[in-house]
Amino acid sequence: MTLANKIIDSAFESDEAFQNTLLKVIKDDLDLTIVEFSEKSGIPVSTLYKILSGNREPNLKTLRQIVKTVVGLTTFGTEDFIGVIAARHVLDNINETTRKVHGKTITIREYSATSIEDAIIVAVQAEREGAKALVCAPIVSSTVEKIIRIPVTTIMPKKSLVEAIEIAVQKIGGRY
């Protein structure tokens, strides 16, 4: 059941159910404050506080705006995705093709690259295919950012870096 449907169902159930569900959706599912939700929805903060405290029932226009905002905040279009550019052995460790982030289900599409040139080519390809953002290694992210128009996030592999150092020490026989 979508968050918007939860809100609508609770509105038919009771005022208290609506207040509790709306508060939970805003704070827990969307990870927003009431003020942030107010800014995104265009509903005055005072109105939201009155609704949540039970001092006011939402009119139909306000209820529609709440639902429309929740739908907008939780819908990451079916064709929208985040591209991940990495070596095949790194991509093989990704277990999820979708991930829930701040109440949105985001599709992850993998792009294998074995060289900087490959990474640049697949970055352009990902953008052309409709990627909303890219995630890639630090060695290529600064170059890719100059070429494409979508946001680029850099992988900062602290844990894997430490593990790689430990493996290197093992390979040299602990002579370090």
N, C-alpha and C. Protein backbone atom coordinates (compact mmCIF):
# COMPACT_ATOMS: atom_id res chain seq x y z
N MET A 1 0.85 -1.18 0.00
CA MET A 1 0.00 0.00 0.00
C MET A 1 0.89 1.24 0.00
N THR A 2 0.59 2.19 -0.87
CA THR A 2 1.39 3.40 -0.94
C THR A 2 1.12 4.29 0.26
N LEU A 3 2.03 5.22 0.52
CA LEU A 3 1.85 6.15 1.63
C LEU A 3 0.60 7.01 1.42
N ALA A 4 0.37 7.42 0.18
CA ALA A 4 -0.82 8.22 -0.12
C ALA A 4 -2.09 7.44 0.21
N ASN A 5 -2.11 6.15 -0.14
CA ASN A 5 -3.28 5.32 0.16
C ASN A 5 -3.47 5.16 1.67
N LYS A 6 -2.37 5.05 2.41
CA LYS A 6 -2.47 4.96 3.87
C LYS A 6 -3.14 6.21 4.43
N ILE A 7 -2.75 7.36 3.92
CA ILE A 7 -3.34 8.62 4.39
C ILE A 7 -4.82 8.68 4.06
N ILE A 8 -5.17 8.32 2.84
CA ILE A 8 -6.57 8.37 2.41
C ILE A 8 -7.41 7.39 3.25
N ASP A 9 -6.91 6.16 3.41
CA ASP A 9 -7.65 5.17 4.21
C ASP A 9 -7.84 5.65 5.64
N SER A 10 -6.81 6.24 6.22
CA SER A 10 -6.91 6.70 7.62
C SER A 10 -7.89 7.86 7.74
N ALA A 11 -8.01 8.68 6.70
CA ALA A 11 -8.95 9.80 6.73
C ALA A 11 -10.39 9.29 6.80
N PHE A 12 -10.65 8.13 6.18
CA PHE A 12 -11.98 7.54 6.23
C PHE A 12 -12.22 6.79 7.54
N GLU A 13 -11.13 6.38 8.18
CA GLU A 13 -11.25 5.61 9.42
C GLU A 13 -11.67 6.49 10.59
N SER A 14 -10.87 7.50 10.90
CA SER A 14 -11.20 8.42 12.00
C SER A 14 -10.24 9.59 11.98
N ASP A 15 -10.61 10.65 12.70
CA ASP A 15 -9.73 11.82 12.79
C ASP A 15 -8.41 11.45 13.45
N GLU A 16 -8.50 10.66 14.51
CA GLU A 16 -7.29 10.26 15.23
C GLU A 16 -6.37 9.40 14.35
N ALA A 17 -6.96 8.48 13.60
CA ALA A 17 -6.16 7.64 12.71
C ALA A 17 -5.48 8.50 11.64
N PHE A 18 -6.22 9.48 11.12
CA PHE A 18 -5.65 10.37 10.11
C PHE A 18 -4.48 11.15 10.69
N GLN A 19 -4.66 11.72 11.87
CA GLN A 19 -3.59 12.50 12.50
C GLN A 19 -2.35 11.65 12.72
N ASN A 20 -2.54 10.46 13.28
CA ASN A 20 -1.41 9.57 13.56
C ASN A 20 -0.70 9.12 12.29
N THR A 21 -1.48 8.76 11.28
CA THR A 21 -0.90 8.29 10.02
C THR A 21 -0.16 9.42 9.33
N LEU A 22 -0.75 10.60 9.27
CA LEU A 22 -0.10 11.73 8.62
C LEU A 22 1.22 12.07 9.31
N LEU A 23 1.21 12.09 10.61
CA LEU A 23 2.42 12.40 11.36
C LEU A 23 3.50 11.34 11.10
N LYS A 24 3.10 10.07 11.11
CA LYS A 24 4.06 8.99 10.87
C LYS A 24 4.62 9.07 9.45
N VAL A 25 3.77 9.34 8.49
CA VAL A 25 4.22 9.43 7.10
C VAL A 25 5.22 10.58 6.95
N ILE A 26 4.89 11.74 7.50
CA ILE A 26 5.77 12.90 7.36
C ILE A 26 7.11 12.65 8.05
N LYS A 27 7.06 12.23 9.31
CA LYS A 27 8.30 12.11 10.10
C LYS A 27 9.08 10.84 9.80
N ASP A 28 8.41 9.70 9.76
CA ASP A 28 9.13 8.42 9.63
C ASP A 28 9.37 8.02 8.17
N ASP A 29 8.31 8.05 7.37
CA ASP A 29 8.44 7.55 6.00
C ASP A 29 9.13 8.56 5.08
N LEU A 30 8.76 9.82 5.20
CA LEU A 30 9.36 10.84 4.34
C LEU A 30 10.60 11.48 4.96
N ASP A 31 10.79 11.25 6.27
CA ASP A 31 11.94 11.78 7.00
C ASP A 31 11.99 13.32 6.90
N LEU A 32 10.83 13.94 7.11
CA LEU A 32 10.72 15.40 7.04
C LEU A 32 10.21 15.95 8.36
N THR A 33 10.47 17.22 8.60
CA THR A 33 9.83 17.91 9.71
C THR A 33 8.51 18.46 9.20
N ILE A 34 7.68 18.92 10.11
CA ILE A 34 6.40 19.53 9.70
C ILE A 34 6.68 20.78 8.87
N VAL A 35 7.68 21.54 9.25
CA VAL A 35 8.03 22.76 8.52
C VAL A 35 8.48 22.42 7.09
N GLU A 36 9.30 21.38 6.95
CA GLU A 36 9.75 20.98 5.61
C GLU A 36 8.57 20.50 4.76
N PHE A 37 7.67 19.73 5.36
CA PHE A 37 6.49 19.27 4.62
C PHE A 37 5.63 20.47 4.22
N SER A 38 5.51 21.44 5.10
CA SER A 38 4.76 22.66 4.81
C SER A 38 5.33 23.36 3.58
N GLU A 39 6.66 23.48 3.55
CA GLU A 39 7.31 24.16 2.42
C GLU A 39 7.08 23.41 1.12
N LYS A 40 7.14 22.09 1.17
CA LYS A 40 6.97 21.29 -0.04
C LYS A 40 5.52 21.26 -0.52
N SER A 41 4.59 21.33 0.43
CA SER A 41 3.17 21.20 0.09
C SER A 41 2.48 22.53 -0.17
N GLY A 42 3.04 23.59 0.39
CA GLY A 42 2.38 24.89 0.28
C GLY A 42 1.27 25.07 1.31
N ILE A 43 1.14 24.12 2.22
CA ILE A 43 0.14 24.22 3.29
C ILE A 43 0.80 24.94 4.46
N PRO A 44 0.18 25.99 4.99
CA PRO A 44 0.79 26.71 6.10
C PRO A 44 1.11 25.79 7.28
N VAL A 45 2.23 26.07 7.93
CA VAL A 45 2.65 25.27 9.08
C VAL A 45 1.57 25.27 10.15
N SER A 46 0.97 26.42 10.37
CA SER A 46 -0.07 26.50 11.41
C SER A 46 -1.24 25.57 11.10
N THR A 47 -1.60 25.47 9.84
CA THR A 47 -2.70 24.57 9.43
C THR A 47 -2.32 23.12 9.71
N LEU A 48 -1.09 22.75 9.35
CA LEU A 48 -0.65 21.37 9.60
C LEU A 48 -0.64 21.05 11.09
N TYR A 49 -0.14 21.99 11.91
CA TYR A 49 -0.11 21.75 13.35
C TYR A 49 -1.53 21.62 13.92
N LYS A 50 -2.46 22.44 13.42
CA LYS A 50 -3.85 22.35 13.89
C LYS A 50 -4.47 21.00 13.50
N ILE A 51 -4.19 20.54 12.28
CA ILE A 51 -4.71 19.24 11.83
C ILE A 51 -4.12 18.12 12.67
N LEU A 52 -2.81 18.17 12.89
CA LEU A 52 -2.13 17.10 13.63
C LEU A 52 -2.49 17.08 15.11
N SER A 53 -2.89 18.22 15.64
CA SER A 53 -3.27 18.26 17.06
C SER A 53 -4.76 18.01 17.27
N GLY A 54 -5.50 17.92 16.17
CA GLY A 54 -6.93 17.67 16.28
C GLY A 54 -7.77 18.92 16.47
N ASN A 55 -7.15 20.08 16.36
CA ASN A 55 -7.88 21.34 16.50
C ASN A 55 -8.56 21.78 15.22
N ARG A 56 -8.31 21.04 14.13
CA ARG A 56 -8.94 21.39 12.86
C ARG A 56 -9.00 20.14 11.98
N GLU A 57 -10.10 19.98 11.28
CA GLU A 57 -10.20 18.91 10.30
C GLU A 57 -9.78 19.47 8.95
N PRO A 58 -9.06 18.70 8.17
CA PRO A 58 -8.64 19.22 6.86
C PRO A 58 -9.84 19.33 5.92
N ASN A 59 -9.90 20.43 5.18
CA ASN A 59 -10.94 20.50 4.16
C ASN A 59 -10.48 19.67 2.95
N LEU A 60 -11.35 19.50 2.00
CA LEU A 60 -11.05 18.64 0.85
C LEU A 60 -9.83 19.16 0.08
N LYS A 61 -9.72 20.47 -0.07
CA LYS A 61 -8.59 21.07 -0.79
C LYS A 61 -7.27 20.75 -0.08
N THR A 62 -7.25 20.85 1.24
CA THR A 62 -6.04 20.57 2.01
C THR A 62 -5.69 19.09 1.94
N LEU A 63 -6.69 18.23 2.06
CA LEU A 63 -6.46 16.79 1.96
C LEU A 63 -5.88 16.43 0.59
N ARG A 64 -6.44 17.02 -0.45
CA ARG A 64 -5.92 16.78 -1.81
C ARG A 64 -4.46 17.21 -1.90
N GLN A 65 -4.14 18.38 -1.32
CA GLN A 65 -2.77 18.89 -1.38
C GLN A 65 -1.80 17.99 -0.60
N ILE A 66 -2.25 17.47 0.54
CA ILE A 66 -1.43 16.54 1.32
C ILE A 66 -1.13 15.29 0.49
N VAL A 67 -2.16 14.70 -0.09
CA VAL A 67 -2.00 13.48 -0.88
C VAL A 67 -1.12 13.75 -2.10
N LYS A 68 -1.37 14.86 -2.79
CA LYS A 68 -0.58 15.21 -3.97
C LYS A 68 0.90 15.37 -3.61
N THR A 69 1.18 15.99 -2.48
CA THR A 69 2.56 16.18 -2.05
C THR A 69 3.22 14.86 -1.71
N VAL A 70 2.50 14.00 -0.99
CA VAL A 70 3.05 12.69 -0.62
C VAL A 70 3.33 11.88 -1.88
N VAL A 71 2.42 11.88 -2.82
CA VAL A 71 2.63 11.16 -4.08
C VAL A 71 3.86 11.71 -4.80
N GLY A 72 3.97 13.03 -4.86
CA GLY A 72 5.12 13.66 -5.53
C GLY A 72 6.44 13.33 -4.86
N LEU A 73 6.42 13.24 -3.54
CA LEU A 73 7.65 12.95 -2.80
C LEU A 73 8.03 11.48 -2.83
N THR A 74 7.08 10.61 -3.11
CA THR A 74 7.37 9.17 -3.06
C THR A 74 7.41 8.53 -4.44
N THR A 75 7.10 9.27 -5.46
CA THR A 75 7.10 8.68 -6.79
C THR A 75 8.41 9.03 -7.48
N PHE A 76 9.19 8.03 -7.70
CA PHE A 76 10.40 8.15 -8.49
C PHE A 76 10.03 7.37 -9.73
N GLY A 77 9.71 8.04 -10.81
CA GLY A 77 9.08 7.43 -11.98
C GLY A 77 9.58 6.03 -12.31
N THR A 78 8.74 5.26 -12.94
CA THR A 78 9.08 3.87 -13.24
C THR A 78 10.27 3.77 -14.18
N GLU A 79 10.51 4.78 -14.97
CA GLU A 79 11.64 4.77 -15.89
C GLU A 79 12.85 5.46 -15.29
N ASP A 80 12.70 6.11 -14.15
CA ASP A 80 13.81 6.81 -13.53
C ASP A 80 14.73 5.84 -12.81
N PHE A 81 16.02 6.14 -12.85
CA PHE A 81 16.98 5.26 -12.18
C PHE A 81 18.26 6.02 -11.85
N ILE A 82 19.03 5.42 -10.96
CA ILE A 82 20.36 5.89 -10.61
C ILE A 82 21.34 4.92 -11.26
N GLY A 83 22.32 5.43 -11.98
CA GLY A 83 23.32 4.58 -12.60
C GLY A 83 24.53 4.42 -11.68
N VAL A 84 25.04 3.20 -11.60
CA VAL A 84 26.25 2.92 -10.82
C VAL A 84 27.32 2.44 -11.80
N ILE A 85 28.43 3.18 -11.86
CA ILE A 85 29.52 2.82 -12.75
C ILE A 85 30.65 2.24 -11.90
N ALA A 86 31.02 1.00 -12.21
CA ALA A 86 32.09 0.34 -11.46
C ALA A 86 32.58 -0.86 -12.26
N ALA A 87 33.64 -1.46 -11.78
CA ALA A 87 34.15 -2.68 -12.38
C ALA A 87 33.15 -3.81 -12.14
N ARG A 88 33.11 -4.78 -13.03
CA ARG A 88 32.14 -5.87 -12.95
C ARG A 88 32.20 -6.57 -11.60
N HIS A 89 33.39 -6.83 -11.05
CA HIS A 89 33.46 -7.56 -9.78
C HIS A 89 32.86 -6.74 -8.63
N VAL A 90 32.87 -5.44 -8.74
CA VAL A 90 32.22 -4.59 -7.73
C VAL A 90 30.71 -4.65 -7.91
N LEU A 91 30.26 -4.56 -9.16
CA LEU A 91 28.83 -4.61 -9.44
C LEU A 91 28.22 -5.95 -9.05
N ASP A 92 29.01 -7.02 -9.15
CA ASP A 92 28.50 -8.33 -8.76
C ASP A 92 28.16 -8.42 -7.28
N ASN A 93 28.71 -7.50 -6.48
CA ASN A 93 28.43 -7.49 -5.04
C ASN A 93 27.19 -6.68 -4.69
N ILE A 94 26.59 -6.03 -5.67
CA ILE A 94 25.35 -5.28 -5.43
C ILE A 94 24.20 -6.28 -5.48
N ASN A 95 23.51 -6.41 -4.37
CA ASN A 95 22.43 -7.40 -4.28
C ASN A 95 21.07 -6.82 -4.64
N GLU A 96 20.96 -5.50 -4.70
CA GLU A 96 19.65 -4.89 -4.91
C GLU A 96 19.59 -4.19 -6.26
N THR A 97 18.46 -4.30 -6.92
CA THR A 97 18.24 -3.51 -8.13
C THR A 97 17.31 -2.35 -7.84
N THR A 98 16.71 -2.38 -6.66
CA THR A 98 15.93 -1.24 -6.18
C THR A 98 16.29 -1.02 -4.72
N ARG A 99 16.10 0.20 -4.28
CA ARG A 99 16.41 0.52 -2.89
C ARG A 99 15.45 1.61 -2.43
N LYS A 100 15.01 1.50 -1.21
CA LYS A 100 14.10 2.50 -0.65
C LYS A 100 14.94 3.57 0.06
N VAL A 101 14.80 4.81 -0.38
CA VAL A 101 15.53 5.93 0.20
C VAL A 101 14.54 7.05 0.46
N HIS A 102 14.40 7.46 1.71
CA HIS A 102 13.49 8.54 2.11
C HIS A 102 12.08 8.31 1.55
N GLY A 103 11.62 7.09 1.63
CA GLY A 103 10.25 6.77 1.22
C GLY A 103 10.09 6.55 -0.27
N LYS A 104 11.15 6.74 -1.06
CA LYS A 104 11.07 6.54 -2.50
C LYS A 104 11.77 5.25 -2.88
N THR A 105 11.17 4.51 -3.78
CA THR A 105 11.82 3.31 -4.30
C THR A 105 12.60 3.72 -5.54
N ILE A 106 13.90 3.51 -5.48
CA ILE A 106 14.79 3.95 -6.54
C ILE A 106 15.37 2.73 -7.24
N THR A 107 15.32 2.75 -8.56
CA THR A 107 15.90 1.68 -9.35
C THR A 107 17.39 1.96 -9.53
N ILE A 108 18.18 0.90 -9.43
CA ILE A 108 19.63 1.01 -9.62
C ILE A 108 19.97 0.25 -10.89
N ARG A 109 20.65 0.93 -11.80
CA ARG A 109 21.07 0.27 -13.04
C ARG A 109 22.60 0.26 -13.07
N GLU A 110 23.17 -0.91 -13.35
CA GLU A 110 24.61 -1.10 -13.31
C GLU A 110 25.23 -0.83 -14.67
N TYR A 111 26.41 -0.18 -14.65
CA TYR A 111 27.19 0.07 -15.86
C TYR A 111 28.62 -0.37 -15.58
N SER A 112 29.05 -1.42 -16.26
CA SER A 112 30.39 -1.96 -16.04
C SER A 112 31.42 -1.15 -16.83
N ALA A 113 32.55 -0.88 -16.18
CA ALA A 113 33.65 -0.16 -16.83
C ALA A 113 34.96 -0.71 -16.31
N THR A 114 35.89 -0.95 -17.23
CA THR A 114 37.20 -1.47 -16.83
C THR A 114 38.32 -0.46 -17.02
N SER A 115 37.98 0.72 -17.54
CA SER A 115 38.98 1.77 -17.72
C SER A 115 38.29 3.12 -17.56
N ILE A 116 39.08 4.16 -17.45
CA ILE A 116 38.52 5.51 -17.36
C ILE A 116 37.73 5.84 -18.62
N GLU A 117 38.25 5.43 -19.76
CA GLU A 117 37.55 5.67 -21.03
C GLU A 117 36.19 4.99 -21.04
N ASP A 118 36.16 3.72 -20.59
CA ASP A 118 34.88 2.99 -20.50
C ASP A 118 33.90 3.72 -19.58
N ALA A 119 34.41 4.20 -18.46
CA ALA A 119 33.56 4.89 -17.48
C ALA A 119 32.95 6.15 -18.10
N ILE A 120 33.73 6.89 -18.85
CA ILE A 120 33.22 8.11 -19.50
C ILE A 120 32.15 7.75 -20.51
N ILE A 121 32.40 6.72 -21.30
CA ILE A 121 31.43 6.29 -22.32
C ILE A 121 30.12 5.84 -21.67
N VAL A 122 30.20 5.00 -20.63
CA VAL A 122 28.96 4.53 -20.02
C VAL A 122 28.26 5.63 -19.23
N ALA A 123 29.00 6.64 -18.77
CA ALA A 123 28.36 7.78 -18.09
C ALA A 123 27.48 8.54 -19.08
N VAL A 124 28.00 8.78 -20.27
CA VAL A 124 27.22 9.45 -21.31
C VAL A 124 26.03 8.58 -21.71
N GLN A 125 26.27 7.28 -21.83
CA GLN A 125 25.19 6.34 -22.17
C GLN A 125 24.10 6.37 -21.11
N ALA A 126 24.49 6.33 -19.83
CA ALA A 126 23.51 6.35 -18.73
C ALA A 126 22.68 7.63 -18.78
N GLU A 127 23.33 8.75 -19.01
CA GLU A 127 22.58 10.01 -19.10
C GLU A 127 21.60 9.97 -20.27
N ARG A 128 22.02 9.48 -21.40
CA ARG A 128 21.15 9.37 -22.57
C ARG A 128 19.97 8.44 -22.34
N GLU A 129 20.20 7.41 -21.53
CA GLU A 129 19.14 6.44 -21.22
C GLU A 129 18.18 6.96 -20.16
N GLY A 130 18.48 8.11 -19.56
CA GLY A 130 17.55 8.71 -18.61
C GLY A 130 17.94 8.64 -17.15
N ALA A 131 19.18 8.29 -16.84
CA ALA A 131 19.60 8.26 -15.44
C ALA A 131 19.38 9.63 -14.80
N LYS A 132 18.90 9.62 -13.57
CA LYS A 132 18.69 10.87 -12.84
C LYS A 132 19.94 11.30 -12.10
N ALA A 133 20.86 10.36 -11.86
CA ALA A 133 22.13 10.64 -11.20
C ALA A 133 23.05 9.45 -11.43
N LEU A 134 24.35 9.67 -11.17
CA LEU A 134 25.33 8.60 -11.30
C LEU A 134 26.13 8.47 -10.02
N VAL A 135 26.55 7.25 -9.76
CA VAL A 135 27.45 6.95 -8.65
C VAL A 135 28.67 6.29 -9.29
N CYS A 136 29.87 6.82 -9.01
CA CYS A 136 31.06 6.22 -9.60
C CYS A 136 32.29 6.44 -8.72
N ALA A 137 33.39 5.82 -9.13
CA ALA A 137 34.63 5.86 -8.36
C ALA A 137 35.27 7.25 -8.41
N PRO A 138 36.06 7.58 -7.38
CA PRO A 138 36.69 8.90 -7.33
C PRO A 138 37.62 9.18 -8.50
N ILE A 139 38.25 8.16 -9.05
CA ILE A 139 39.21 8.38 -10.12
C ILE A 139 38.55 8.92 -11.39
N VAL A 140 37.26 8.68 -11.55
CA VAL A 140 36.58 9.12 -12.77
C VAL A 140 35.50 10.16 -12.51
N SER A 141 35.04 10.32 -11.28
CA SER A 141 33.89 11.18 -11.01
C SER A 141 34.12 12.65 -11.40
N SER A 142 35.30 13.18 -11.16
CA SER A 142 35.54 14.59 -11.50
C SER A 142 35.51 14.82 -13.00
N THR A 143 35.98 13.84 -13.78
CA THR A 143 35.93 13.96 -15.24
C THR A 143 34.50 13.83 -15.74
N VAL A 144 33.78 12.85 -15.22
CA VAL A 144 32.40 12.60 -15.63
C VAL A 144 31.52 13.83 -15.33
N GLU A 145 31.74 14.46 -14.19
CA GLU A 145 30.95 15.66 -13.83
C GLU A 145 31.08 16.77 -14.86
N LYS A 146 32.21 16.85 -15.53
CA LYS A 146 32.45 17.90 -16.53
C LYS A 146 31.74 17.60 -17.85
N ILE A 147 31.37 16.34 -18.06
CA ILE A 147 30.82 15.93 -19.34
C ILE A 147 29.30 15.84 -19.34
N ILE A 148 28.73 15.37 -18.23
CA ILE A 148 27.28 15.15 -18.18
C ILE A 148 26.59 16.22 -17.34
N ARG A 149 25.27 16.29 -17.47
CA ARG A 149 24.51 17.34 -16.79
C ARG A 149 23.74 16.85 -15.57
N ILE A 150 23.83 15.56 -15.26
CA ILE A 150 23.12 15.02 -14.10
C ILE A 150 24.07 14.96 -12.91
N PRO A 151 23.54 14.90 -11.69
CA PRO A 151 24.41 14.83 -10.50
C PRO A 151 25.27 13.57 -10.49
N VAL A 152 26.50 13.73 -10.00
CA VAL A 152 27.43 12.61 -9.88
C VAL A 152 27.85 12.52 -8.42
N THR A 153 27.75 11.31 -7.86
CA THR A 153 28.17 11.06 -6.49
C THR A 153 29.38 10.13 -6.53
N THR A 154 30.33 10.42 -5.66
CA THR A 154 31.56 9.65 -5.63
C THR A 154 31.50 8.56 -4.57
N ILE A 155 31.88 7.36 -4.95
CA ILE A 155 31.97 6.25 -4.01
C ILE A 155 33.19 6.48 -3.13
N MET A 156 32.99 6.43 -1.83
CA MET A 156 34.09 6.58 -0.90
C MET A 156 34.24 5.27 -0.12
N PRO A 157 35.02 4.34 -0.66
CA PRO A 157 35.06 2.98 -0.12
C PRO A 157 36.00 2.81 1.08
N LYS A 158 35.70 3.42 2.20
CA LYS A 158 36.56 3.34 3.37
C LYS A 158 36.76 1.90 3.82
N LYS A 159 35.66 1.18 4.01
CA LYS A 159 35.76 -0.19 4.50
C LYS A 159 36.51 -1.07 3.52
N SER A 160 36.19 -0.96 2.23
CA SER A 160 36.85 -1.82 1.25
C SER A 160 38.32 -1.44 1.10
N LEU A 161 38.67 -0.18 1.31
CA LEU A 161 40.07 0.24 1.25
C LEU A 161 40.87 -0.42 2.38
N VAL A 162 40.32 -0.41 3.57
CA VAL A 162 40.98 -1.04 4.71
C VAL A 162 41.13 -2.54 4.46
N GLU A 163 40.09 -3.18 3.95
CA GLU A 163 40.17 -4.61 3.65
C GLU A 163 41.22 -4.90 2.58
N ALA A 164 41.32 -4.04 1.56
CA ALA A 164 42.31 -4.24 0.51
C ALA A 164 43.73 -4.12 1.06
N ILE A 165 43.96 -3.20 1.97
CA ILE A 165 45.27 -3.06 2.60
C ILE A 165 45.61 -4.31 3.40
N GLU A 166 44.63 -4.83 4.13
CA GLU A 166 44.85 -6.06 4.90
C GLU A 166 45.17 -7.24 3.99
N ILE A 167 44.51 -7.33 2.86
CA ILE A 167 44.78 -8.41 1.90
C ILE A 167 46.18 -8.25 1.33
N ALA A 168 46.58 -7.01 1.04
CA ALA A 168 47.92 -6.75 0.52
C ALA A 168 48.98 -7.21 1.53
N VAL A 169 48.74 -6.94 2.79
CA VAL A 169 49.68 -7.37 3.84
C VAL A 169 49.75 -8.89 3.88
N GLN A 170 48.60 -9.56 3.75
CA GLN A 170 48.58 -11.02 3.73
C GLN A 170 49.37 -11.57 2.54
N LYS A 171 49.22 -10.91 1.38
CA LYS A 171 49.90 -11.37 0.17
C LYS A 171 51.41 -11.26 0.27
N ILE A 172 51.88 -10.28 0.99
CA ILE A 172 53.34 -10.16 1.14
C ILE A 172 53.82 -10.94 2.32
N GLY A 173 52.93 -11.76 2.87
CA GLY A 173 53.30 -12.67 3.95
C GLY A 173 53.43 -12.02 5.30
N GLY A 174 52.74 -10.93 5.50
CA GLY A 174 52.79 -10.28 6.80
C GLY A 174 54.15 -9.71 7.12
N ARG A 175 55.00 -9.49 6.09
CA ARG A 175 56.35 -8.98 6.29
C ARG A 175 56.37 -7.47 6.48
N TYR A 176 55.26 -6.90 6.70
CA TYR A 176 55.21 -5.45 6.79
C TYR A 176 55.28 -5.01 8.20
